[in-house]
Amino acid sequence: MEPDFYLRDLTADDWSKFKEMDELIFPEEQMMESSFISGLSGLKSLSVIAVDKESKDLIG
């Protein structure tokens, strides 16, 4: 059975959708946009996200 999602690199354009997910998962301590942007590069990259194939929503 084929998965209902795919993996792709995060981009700066994903910030608003990522922020929504972050607020649900970590309601008491959300990531700042500047940390998100700086996390897109370097050795500790946040670069991979799971995306629902049908809705294109970020799911993990």
C-alpha atoms as a PDB file:
ATOM      1  CA  MET A   1       0.000   0.000   0.000  1.00  0.00           C
ATOM      2  CA  GLU A   2       1.355   3.391  -0.988  1.00  0.00           C
ATOM      3  CA  PRO A   3       1.577   6.080   1.754  1.00  0.00           C
ATOM      4  CA  ASP A   4      -0.864   8.998   1.740  1.00  0.00           C
ATOM      5  CA  PHE A   5       1.960  11.474   2.244  1.00  0.00           C
ATOM      6  CA  TYR A   6       5.304  12.481   0.818  1.00  0.00           C
ATOM      7  CA  LEU A   7       8.406  14.120   2.270  1.00  0.00           C
ATOM      8  CA  ARG A   8       9.901  17.359   1.016  1.00  0.00           C
ATOM      9  CA  ASP A   9      12.234  20.102   2.166  1.00  0.00           C
ATOM     10  CA  LEU A  10      10.780  22.907   4.241  1.00  0.00           C
ATOM     11  CA  THR A  11      11.070  26.400   2.807  1.00  0.00           C
ATOM     12  CA  ALA A  12      10.632  29.886   4.237  1.00  0.00           C
ATOM     13  CA  ASP A  13       7.205  29.936   2.533  1.00  0.00           C
ATOM     14  CA  ASP A  14       6.068  27.160   4.913  1.00  0.00           C
ATOM     15  CA  TRP A  15       6.351  29.383   7.996  1.00  0.00           C
ATOM     16  CA  SER A  16       2.624  30.147   8.482  1.00  0.00           C
ATOM     17  CA  LYS A  17       1.524  26.499   8.116  1.00  0.00           C
ATOM     18  CA  PHE A  18       4.440  25.313  10.259  1.00  0.00           C
ATOM     19  CA  LYS A  19       3.501  27.869  12.942  1.00  0.00           C
ATOM     20  CA  GLU A  20      -0.081  26.520  13.094  1.00  0.00           C
ATOM     21  CA  MET A  21       1.215  22.979  13.591  1.00  0.00           C
ATOM     22  CA  ASP A  22       3.817  24.122  16.133  1.00  0.00           C
ATOM     23  CA  GLU A  23       1.135  25.893  18.225  1.00  0.00           C
ATOM     24  CA  LEU A  24      -0.917  22.684  18.384  1.00  0.00           C
ATOM     25  CA  ILE A  25       2.029  20.477  19.331  1.00  0.00           C
ATOM     26  CA  PHE A  26       3.793  22.913  21.683  1.00  0.00           C
ATOM     27  CA  PRO A  27       1.077  25.255  23.023  1.00  0.00           C
ATOM     28  CA  GLU A  28       3.288  26.692  25.761  1.00  0.00           C
ATOM     29  CA  GLU A  29       6.455  27.340  23.747  1.00  0.00           C
ATOM     30  CA  GLN A  30       6.273  28.098  20.030  1.00  0.00           C
ATOM     31  CA  MET A  31       9.179  28.611  17.678  1.00  0.00           C
ATOM     32  CA  MET A  32      10.041  32.132  16.582  1.00  0.00           C
ATOM     33  CA  GLU A  33      10.062  32.850  12.842  1.00  0.00           C
ATOM     34  CA  SER A  34      13.716  33.869  12.982  1.00  0.00           C
ATOM     35  CA  SER A  35      14.617  30.475  14.512  1.00  0.00           C
ATOM     36  CA  PHE A  36      12.589  28.704  11.839  1.00  0.00           C
ATOM     37  CA  ILE A  37      14.352  30.565   9.027  1.00  0.00           C
ATOM     38  CA  SER A  38      17.815  30.014  10.485  1.00  0.00           C
ATOM     39  CA  GLY A  39      16.961  26.333  11.022  1.00  0.00           C
ATOM     40  CA  LEU A  40      16.453  25.809   7.299  1.00  0.00           C
ATOM     41  CA  SER A  41      20.183  25.657   6.722  1.00  0.00           C
ATOM     42  CA  GLY A  42      23.220  24.300   8.452  1.00  0.00           C
ATOM     43  CA  LEU A  43      23.998  21.051  10.223  1.00  0.00           C
ATOM     44  CA  LYS A  44      20.895  21.091  12.433  1.00  0.00           C
ATOM     45  CA  SER A  45      18.468  21.683   9.573  1.00  0.00           C
ATOM     46  CA  LEU A  46      14.688  21.400  10.048  1.00  0.00           C
ATOM     47  CA  SER A  47      14.510  20.714   6.369  1.00  0.00           C
ATOM     48  CA  VAL A  48      12.106  17.754   6.007  1.00  0.00           C
ATOM     49  CA  ILE A  49       8.317  17.831   6.388  1.00  0.00           C
ATOM     50  CA  ALA A  50       5.587  15.286   5.682  1.00  0.00           C
ATOM     51  CA  VAL A  51       2.840  16.566   3.374  1.00  0.00           C
ATOM     52  CA  ASP A  52      -0.588  15.012   2.824  1.00  0.00           C
ATOM     53  CA  LYS A  53      -0.792  14.039  -0.877  1.00  0.00           C
ATOM     54  CA  GLU A  54      -4.417  15.047  -1.300  1.00  0.00           C
ATOM     55  CA  SER A  55      -4.815  18.207   0.794  1.00  0.00           C
ATOM     56  CA  LYS A  56      -1.153  19.347   0.639  1.00  0.00           C
ATOM     57  CA  ASP A  57      -1.363  20.084   4.405  1.00  0.00           C
ATOM     58  CA  LEU A  58       1.779  19.771   6.499  1.00  0.00           C
ATOM     59  CA  ILE A  59       1.275  16.735   8.720  1.00  0.00           C
ATOM     60  CA  GLY A  60       4.539  16.115  10.495  1.00  0.00           C
END
